[in-house]
Amino acid sequence: MKLDRNALKEASVDTLLGAMVNFPLSWLTLSMVLVFTTNSFILSLSQLIILSILAIIRRYYTRVYFQDRNKRKNIGKNLD
């Protein structure tokens, strides 16, 4: 199996962005929800909803960025 370096780079950037955003967001979400309840189901559900929405948005923009970047790279190669 050949390693797709562009896909690996995209996955690495997305994972790093996810870690940078999700850790503080998780802490903030837990801090806010714990003010209202200590019910583990509510805590888990709120985390799931907020982090899932953010992950979809982050993944979409990361994918669009890399698709655009790859298109510009390929256009440059075709001009040579």
PDB file of N, CA and C in Angstrom:
ATOM      1  N   MET A   1       0.847  -1.182   0.000  1.00  0.00           N
ATOM      2  CA  MET A   1       0.000   0.000   0.000  1.00  0.00           C
ATOM      3  C   MET A   1       0.887   1.237   0.000  1.00  0.00           C
ATOM      4  N   LYS A   2       0.599   2.144  -0.913  1.00  0.00           N
ATOM      5  CA  LYS A   2       1.363   3.376  -1.022  1.00  0.00           C
ATOM      6  C   LYS A   2       0.791   4.421  -0.064  1.00  0.00           C
ATOM      7  N   LEU A   3       1.665   5.143   0.607  1.00  0.00           N
ATOM      8  CA  LEU A   3       1.268   6.167   1.565  1.00  0.00           C
ATOM      9  C   LEU A   3       0.885   7.443   0.824  1.00  0.00           C
ATOM     10  N   ASP A   4      -0.319   7.924   1.044  1.00  0.00           N
ATOM     11  CA  ASP A   4      -0.775   9.181   0.456  1.00  0.00           C
ATOM     12  C   ASP A   4      -0.385  10.314   1.399  1.00  0.00           C
ATOM     13  N   ARG A   5       0.696  10.987   1.083  1.00  0.00           N
ATOM     14  CA  ARG A   5       1.237  12.018   1.970  1.00  0.00           C
ATOM     15  C   ARG A   5       0.271  13.192   2.160  1.00  0.00           C
ATOM     16  N   ASN A   6      -0.462  13.556   1.123  1.00  0.00           N
ATOM     17  CA  ASN A   6      -1.421  14.651   1.253  1.00  0.00           C
ATOM     18  C   ASN A   6      -2.541  14.291   2.228  1.00  0.00           C
ATOM     19  N   ALA A   7      -3.030  13.071   2.144  1.00  0.00           N
ATOM     20  CA  ALA A   7      -4.083  12.630   3.059  1.00  0.00           C
ATOM     21  C   ALA A   7      -3.552  12.557   4.490  1.00  0.00           C
ATOM     22  N   LEU A   8      -2.316  12.088   4.643  1.00  0.00           N
ATOM     23  CA  LEU A   8      -1.710  12.022   5.970  1.00  0.00           C
ATOM     24  C   LEU A   8      -1.529  13.410   6.566  1.00  0.00           C
ATOM     25  N   LYS A   9      -1.091  14.349   5.749  1.00  0.00           N
ATOM     26  CA  LYS A   9      -0.915  15.725   6.222  1.00  0.00           C
ATOM     27  C   LYS A   9      -2.258  16.334   6.621  1.00  0.00           C
ATOM     28  N   GLU A  10      -3.279  16.116   5.800  1.00  0.00           N
ATOM     29  CA  GLU A  10      -4.611  16.628   6.100  1.00  0.00           C
ATOM     30  C   GLU A  10      -5.150  16.026   7.401  1.00  0.00           C
ATOM     31  N   ALA A  11      -4.992  14.729   7.563  1.00  0.00           N
ATOM     32  CA  ALA A  11      -5.471  14.066   8.780  1.00  0.00           C
ATOM     33  C   ALA A  11      -4.721  14.559  10.015  1.00  0.00           C
ATOM     34  N   SER A  12      -3.426  14.768   9.871  1.00  0.00           N
ATOM     35  CA  SER A  12      -2.621  15.259  10.999  1.00  0.00           C
ATOM     36  C   SER A  12      -3.018  16.671  11.399  1.00  0.00           C
ATOM     37  N   VAL A  13      -3.201  17.536  10.420  1.00  0.00           N
ATOM     38  CA  VAL A  13      -3.610  18.915  10.706  1.00  0.00           C
ATOM     39  C   VAL A  13      -4.981  18.932  11.354  1.00  0.00           C
ATOM     40  N   ASP A  14      -5.901  18.142  10.835  1.00  0.00           N
ATOM     41  CA  ASP A  14      -7.248  18.102  11.402  1.00  0.00           C
ATOM     42  C   ASP A  14      -7.233  17.577  12.843  1.00  0.00           C
ATOM     43  N   THR A  15      -6.418  16.570  13.105  1.00  0.00           N
ATOM     44  CA  THR A  15      -6.319  16.022  14.464  1.00  0.00           C
ATOM     45  C   THR A  15      -5.706  17.040  15.414  1.00  0.00           C
ATOM     46  N   LEU A  16      -4.683  17.739  14.975  1.00  0.00           N
ATOM     47  CA  LEU A  16      -4.060  18.762  15.810  1.00  0.00           C
ATOM     48  C   LEU A  16      -5.031  19.902  16.092  1.00  0.00           C
ATOM     49  N   LEU A  17      -5.734  20.353  15.060  1.00  0.00           N
ATOM     50  CA  LEU A  17      -6.746  21.399  15.265  1.00  0.00           C
ATOM     51  C   LEU A  17      -7.824  20.932  16.233  1.00  0.00           C
ATOM     52  N   GLY A  18      -8.245  19.682  16.086  1.00  0.00           N
ATOM     53  CA  GLY A  18      -9.261  19.126  16.976  1.00  0.00           C
ATOM     54  C   GLY A  18      -8.809  19.125  18.419  1.00  0.00           C
ATOM     55  N   ALA A  19      -7.565  18.728  18.658  1.00  0.00           N
ATOM     56  CA  ALA A  19      -7.043  18.691  20.022  1.00  0.00           C
ATOM     57  C   ALA A  19      -6.944  20.100  20.606  1.00  0.00           C
ATOM     58  N   MET A  20      -6.486  21.037  19.794  1.00  0.00           N
ATOM     59  CA  MET A  20      -6.332  22.415  20.271  1.00  0.00           C
ATOM     60  C   MET A  20      -7.671  23.061  20.611  1.00  0.00           C
ATOM     61  N   VAL A  21      -8.696  22.736  19.865  1.00  0.00           N
ATOM     62  CA  VAL A  21     -10.013  23.343  20.081  1.00  0.00           C
ATOM     63  C   VAL A  21     -10.831  22.547  21.096  1.00  0.00           C
ATOM     64  N   ASN A  22     -10.804  21.225  20.997  1.00  0.00           N
ATOM     65  CA  ASN A  22     -11.677  20.404  21.833  1.00  0.00           C
ATOM     66  C   ASN A  22     -11.306  20.390  23.309  1.00  0.00           C
ATOM     67  N   PHE A  23     -10.018  20.440  23.623  1.00  0.00           N
ATOM     68  CA  PHE A  23      -9.649  20.397  25.038  1.00  0.00           C
ATOM     69  C   PHE A  23     -10.213  21.589  25.807  1.00  0.00           C
ATOM     70  N   PRO A  24      -9.948  22.835  25.371  1.00  0.00           N
ATOM     71  CA  PRO A  24     -10.530  23.962  26.119  1.00  0.00           C
ATOM     72  C   PRO A  24     -12.053  24.007  26.029  1.00  0.00           C
ATOM     73  N   LEU A  25     -12.600  23.599  24.897  1.00  0.00           N
ATOM     74  CA  LEU A  25     -14.055  23.601  24.751  1.00  0.00           C
ATOM     75  C   LEU A  25     -14.694  22.574  25.688  1.00  0.00           C
ATOM     76  N   SER A  26     -14.071  21.417  25.825  1.00  0.00           N
ATOM     77  CA  SER A  26     -14.580  20.403  26.753  1.00  0.00           C
ATOM     78  C   SER A  26     -14.564  20.925  28.182  1.00  0.00           C
ATOM     79  N   TRP A  27     -13.472  21.542  28.555  1.00  0.00           N
ATOM     80  CA  TRP A  27     -13.349  22.096  29.902  1.00  0.00           C
ATOM     81  C   TRP A  27     -14.414  23.165  30.143  1.00  0.00           C
ATOM     82  N   LEU A  28     -14.593  24.056  29.173  1.00  0.00           N
ATOM     83  CA  LEU A  28     -15.597  25.116  29.299  1.00  0.00           C
ATOM     84  C   LEU A  28     -17.009  24.534  29.385  1.00  0.00           C
ATOM     85  N   THR A  29     -17.302  23.583  28.535  1.00  0.00           N
ATOM     86  CA  THR A  29     -18.624  22.958  28.537  1.00  0.00           C
ATOM     87  C   THR A  29     -18.905  22.270  29.870  1.00  0.00           C
ATOM     88  N   LEU A  30     -17.935  21.502  30.342  1.00  0.00           N
ATOM     89  CA  LEU A  30     -18.123  20.821  31.626  1.00  0.00           C
ATOM     90  C   LEU A  30     -18.305  21.814  32.764  1.00  0.00           C
ATOM     91  N   SER A  31     -17.510  22.868  32.762  1.00  0.00           N
ATOM     92  CA  SER A  31     -17.631  23.884  33.808  1.00  0.00           C
ATOM     93  C   SER A  31     -19.016  24.520  33.813  1.00  0.00           C
ATOM     94  N   MET A  32     -19.522  24.810  32.625  1.00  0.00           N
ATOM     95  CA  MET A  32     -20.833  25.461  32.530  1.00  0.00           C
ATOM     96  C   MET A  32     -21.964  24.506  32.906  1.00  0.00           C
ATOM     97  N   VAL A  33     -21.913  23.278  32.436  1.00  0.00           N
ATOM     98  CA  VAL A  33     -22.985  22.320  32.700  1.00  0.00           C
ATOM     99  C   VAL A  33     -22.991  21.896  34.169  1.00  0.00           C
ATOM    100  N   LEU A  34     -21.816  21.818  34.786  1.00  0.00           N
ATOM    101  CA  LEU A  34     -21.750  21.435  36.201  1.00  0.00           C
ATOM    102  C   LEU A  34     -22.403  22.462  37.123  1.00  0.00           C
ATOM    103  N   VAL A  35     -22.569  23.681  36.639  1.00  0.00           N
ATOM    104  CA  VAL A  35     -23.284  24.696  37.419  1.00  0.00           C
ATOM    105  C   VAL A  35     -24.750  24.303  37.571  1.00  0.00           C
ATOM    106  N   PHE A  36     -25.288  23.655  36.550  1.00  0.00           N
ATOM    107  CA  PHE A  36     -26.710  23.325  36.531  1.00  0.00           C
ATOM    108  C   PHE A  36     -27.031  21.903  37.003  1.00  0.00           C
ATOM    109  N   THR A  37     -26.107  20.973  36.748  1.00  0.00           N
ATOM    110  CA  THR A  37     -26.410  19.577  37.082  1.00  0.00           C
ATOM    111  C   THR A  37     -25.129  18.778  37.260  1.00  0.00           C
ATOM    112  N   THR A  38     -25.238  17.677  37.982  1.00  0.00           N
ATOM    113  CA  THR A  38     -24.132  16.724  38.074  1.00  0.00           C
ATOM    114  C   THR A  38     -24.527  15.386  37.450  1.00  0.00           C
ATOM    115  N   ASN A  39     -25.641  15.374  36.761  1.00  0.00           N
ATOM    116  CA  ASN A  39     -26.139  14.170  36.095  1.00  0.00           C
ATOM    117  C   ASN A  39     -25.177  13.797  34.960  1.00  0.00           C
ATOM    118  N   SER A  40     -24.587  12.617  35.040  1.00  0.00           N
ATOM    119  CA  SER A  40     -23.595  12.203  34.050  1.00  0.00           C
ATOM    120  C   SER A  40     -24.188  12.079  32.646  1.00  0.00           C
ATOM    121  N   PHE A  41     -25.444  11.700  32.541  1.00  0.00           N
ATOM    122  CA  PHE A  41     -26.075  11.601  31.223  1.00  0.00           C
ATOM    123  C   PHE A  41     -26.171  12.974  30.565  1.00  0.00           C
ATOM    124  N   ILE A  42     -26.605  13.969  31.325  1.00  0.00           N
ATOM    125  CA  ILE A  42     -26.709  15.332  30.784  1.00  0.00           C
ATOM    126  C   ILE A  42     -25.329  15.863  30.402  1.00  0.00           C
ATOM    127  N   LEU A  43     -24.338  15.609  31.251  1.00  0.00           N
ATOM    128  CA  LEU A  43     -22.967  16.040  30.940  1.00  0.00           C
ATOM    129  C   LEU A  43     -22.472  15.405  29.633  1.00  0.00           C
ATOM    130  N   SER A  44     -22.671  14.110  29.523  1.00  0.00           N
ATOM    131  CA  SER A  44     -22.219  13.389  28.330  1.00  0.00           C
ATOM    132  C   SER A  44     -22.956  13.848  27.080  1.00  0.00           C
ATOM    133  N   LEU A  45     -24.257  14.015  27.207  1.00  0.00           N
ATOM    134  CA  LEU A  45     -25.050  14.440  26.054  1.00  0.00           C
ATOM    135  C   LEU A  45     -24.658  15.843  25.593  1.00  0.00           C
ATOM    136  N   SER A  46     -24.456  16.746  26.525  1.00  0.00           N
ATOM    137  CA  SER A  46     -24.070  18.107  26.144  1.00  0.00           C
ATOM    138  C   SER A  46     -22.697  18.098  25.469  1.00  0.00           C
ATOM    139  N   GLN A  47     -21.757  17.311  25.993  1.00  0.00           N
ATOM    140  CA  GLN A  47     -20.442  17.195  25.367  1.00  0.00           C
ATOM    141  C   GLN A  47     -20.565  16.627  23.947  1.00  0.00           C
ATOM    142  N   LEU A  48     -21.345  15.573  23.812  1.00  0.00           N
ATOM    143  CA  LEU A  48     -21.526  14.937  22.512  1.00  0.00           C
ATOM    144  C   LEU A  48     -22.079  15.921  21.482  1.00  0.00           C
ATOM    145  N   ILE A  49     -23.105  16.640  21.849  1.00  0.00           N
ATOM    146  CA  ILE A  49     -23.740  17.567  20.912  1.00  0.00           C
ATOM    147  C   ILE A  49     -22.794  18.694  20.515  1.00  0.00           C
ATOM    148  N   ILE A  50     -22.198  19.336  21.494  1.00  0.00           N
ATOM    149  CA  ILE A  50     -21.334  20.489  21.205  1.00  0.00           C
ATOM    150  C   ILE A  50     -20.089  20.079  20.427  1.00  0.00           C
ATOM    151  N   LEU A  51     -19.425  19.020  20.875  1.00  0.00           N
ATOM    152  CA  LEU A  51     -18.203  18.598  20.192  1.00  0.00           C
ATOM    153  C   LEU A  51     -18.485  18.028  18.800  1.00  0.00           C
ATOM    154  N   SER A  52     -19.621  17.381  18.609  1.00  0.00           N
ATOM    155  CA  SER A  52     -19.971  16.852  17.281  1.00  0.00           C
ATOM    156  C   SER A  52     -20.238  17.972  16.291  1.00  0.00           C
ATOM    157  N   ILE A  53     -20.980  18.969  16.720  1.00  0.00           N
ATOM    158  CA  ILE A  53     -21.256  20.110  15.836  1.00  0.00           C
ATOM    159  C   ILE A  53     -19.957  20.800  15.448  1.00  0.00           C
ATOM    160  N   LEU A  54     -19.105  21.031  16.433  1.00  0.00           N
ATOM    161  CA  LEU A  54     -17.832  21.678  16.149  1.00  0.00           C
ATOM    162  C   LEU A  54     -16.951  20.813  15.246  1.00  0.00           C
ATOM    163  N   ALA A  55     -16.944  19.512  15.457  1.00  0.00           N
ATOM    164  CA  ALA A  55     -16.137  18.613  14.632  1.00  0.00           C
ATOM    165  C   ALA A  55     -16.584  18.630  13.173  1.00  0.00           C
ATOM    166  N   ILE A  56     -17.875  18.663  12.952  1.00  0.00           N
ATOM    167  CA  ILE A  56     -18.392  18.711  11.572  1.00  0.00           C
ATOM    168  C   ILE A  56     -17.959  20.005  10.899  1.00  0.00           C
ATOM    169  N   ILE A  57     -18.090  21.114  11.614  1.00  0.00           N
ATOM    170  CA  ILE A  57     -17.695  22.415  11.054  1.00  0.00           C
ATOM    171  C   ILE A  57     -16.188  22.440  10.790  1.00  0.00           C
ATOM    172  N   ARG A  58     -15.392  22.009  11.776  1.00  0.00           N
ATOM    173  CA  ARG A  58     -13.936  22.001  11.632  1.00  0.00           C
ATOM    174  C   ARG A  58     -13.511  21.107  10.483  1.00  0.00           C
ATOM    175  N   ARG A  59     -14.093  19.919  10.404  1.00  0.00           N
ATOM    176  CA  ARG A  59     -13.726  18.962   9.351  1.00  0.00           C
ATOM    177  C   ARG A  59     -14.092  19.491   7.965  1.00  0.00           C
ATOM    178  N   TYR A  60     -15.239  20.146   7.869  1.00  0.00           N
ATOM    179  CA  TYR A  60     -15.671  20.716   6.593  1.00  0.00           C
ATOM    180  C   TYR A  60     -14.657  21.758   6.109  1.00  0.00           C
ATOM    181  N   TYR A  61     -14.312  22.700   6.987  1.00  0.00           N
ATOM    182  CA  TYR A  61     -13.395  23.765   6.584  1.00  0.00           C
ATOM    183  C   TYR A  61     -11.981  23.245   6.330  1.00  0.00           C
ATOM    184  N   THR A  62     -11.552  22.255   7.070  1.00  0.00           N
ATOM    185  CA  THR A  62     -10.240  21.658   6.819  1.00  0.00           C
ATOM    186  C   THR A  62     -10.228  20.990   5.451  1.00  0.00           C
ATOM    187  N   ARG A  63     -11.291  20.247   5.144  1.00  0.00           N
ATOM    188  CA  ARG A  63     -11.369  19.553   3.851  1.00  0.00           C
ATOM    189  C   ARG A  63     -11.417  20.543   2.692  1.00  0.00           C
ATOM    190  N   VAL A  64     -12.223  21.588   2.829  1.00  0.00           N
ATOM    191  CA  VAL A  64     -12.316  22.597   1.773  1.00  0.00           C
ATOM    192  C   VAL A  64     -10.965  23.279   1.560  1.00  0.00           C
ATOM    193  N   TYR A  65     -10.273  23.592   2.646  1.00  0.00           N
ATOM    194  CA  TYR A  65      -8.951  24.226   2.552  1.00  0.00           C
ATOM    195  C   TYR A  65      -7.984  23.332   1.778  1.00  0.00           C
ATOM    196  N   PHE A  66      -7.918  22.048   2.137  1.00  0.00           N
ATOM    197  CA  PHE A  66      -6.974  21.160   1.472  1.00  0.00           C
ATOM    198  C   PHE A  66      -7.380  20.853   0.032  1.00  0.00           C
ATOM    199  N   GLN A  67      -8.663  20.787  -0.257  1.00  0.00           N
ATOM    200  CA  GLN A  67      -9.090  20.584  -1.649  1.00  0.00           C
ATOM    201  C   GLN A  67      -8.668  21.774  -2.503  1.00  0.00           C
ATOM    202  N   ASP A  68      -8.894  22.981  -2.005  1.00  0.00           N
ATOM    203  CA  ASP A  68      -8.518  24.189  -2.733  1.00  0.00           C
ATOM    204  C   ASP A  68      -7.005  24.253  -2.920  1.00  0.00           C
ATOM    205  N   ARG A  69      -6.287  23.902  -1.882  1.00  0.00           N
ATOM    206  CA  ARG A  69      -4.823  23.914  -1.936  1.00  0.00           C
ATOM    207  C   ARG A  69      -4.316  22.906  -2.964  1.00  0.00           C
ATOM    208  N   ASN A  70      -4.905  21.716  -2.973  1.00  0.00           N
ATOM    209  CA  ASN A  70      -4.489  20.696  -3.938  1.00  0.00           C
ATOM    210  C   ASN A  70      -4.841  21.093  -5.371  1.00  0.00           C
ATOM    211  N   LYS A  71      -5.978  21.761  -5.560  1.00  0.00           N
ATOM    212  CA  LYS A  71      -6.351  22.235  -6.898  1.00  0.00           C
ATOM    213  C   LYS A  71      -5.326  23.241  -7.412  1.00  0.00           C
ATOM    214  N   ARG A  72      -4.958  24.198  -6.548  1.00  0.00           N
ATOM    215  CA  ARG A  72      -3.970  25.206  -6.959  1.00  0.00           C
ATOM    216  C   ARG A  72      -2.642  24.559  -7.269  1.00  0.00           C
ATOM    217  N   LYS A  73      -2.245  23.544  -6.519  1.00  0.00           N
ATOM    218  CA  LYS A  73      -0.996  22.827  -6.768  1.00  0.00           C
ATOM    219  C   LYS A  73      -1.034  22.129  -8.127  1.00  0.00           C
ATOM    220  N   ASN A  74      -2.179  21.473  -8.421  1.00  0.00           N
ATOM    221  CA  ASN A  74      -2.317  20.753  -9.692  1.00  0.00           C
ATOM    222  C   ASN A  74      -2.378  21.701 -10.870  1.00  0.00           C
ATOM    223  N   ILE A  75      -2.994  22.856 -10.705  1.00  0.00           N
ATOM    224  CA  ILE A  75      -3.043  23.837 -11.791  1.00  0.00           C
ATOM    225  C   ILE A  75      -1.636  24.322 -12.109  1.00  0.00           C
ATOM    226  N   GLY A  76      -0.844  24.554 -11.081  1.00  0.00           N
ATOM    227  CA  GLY A  76       0.548  24.967 -11.279  1.00  0.00           C
ATOM    228  C   GLY A  76       1.364  23.924 -12.005  1.00  0.00           C
ATOM    229  N   LYS A  77       1.133  22.649 -11.725  1.00  0.00           N
ATOM    230  CA  LYS A  77       1.857  21.567 -12.403  1.00  0.00           C
ATOM    231  C   LYS A  77       1.456  21.487 -13.867  1.00  0.00           C
ATOM    232  N   ASN A  78       0.160  21.746 -14.160  1.00  0.00           N
ATOM    233  CA  ASN A  78      -0.328  21.646 -15.538  1.00  0.00           C
ATOM    234  C   ASN A  78       0.186  22.784 -16.395  1.00  0.00           C
ATOM    235  N   LEU A  79       0.550  23.906 -15.801  1.00  0.00           N
ATOM    236  CA  LEU A  79       1.059  25.041 -16.574  1.00  0.00           C
ATOM    237  C   LEU A  79       2.500  24.836 -17.015  1.00  0.00           C
ATOM    238  N   ASP A  80       3.223  23.965 -16.331  1.00  0.00           N
ATOM    239  CA  ASP A  80       4.637  23.741 -16.682  1.00  0.00           C
ATOM    240  C   ASP A  80       4.806  22.976 -17.943  1.00  0.00           C
TER     241      ASP A  80
END
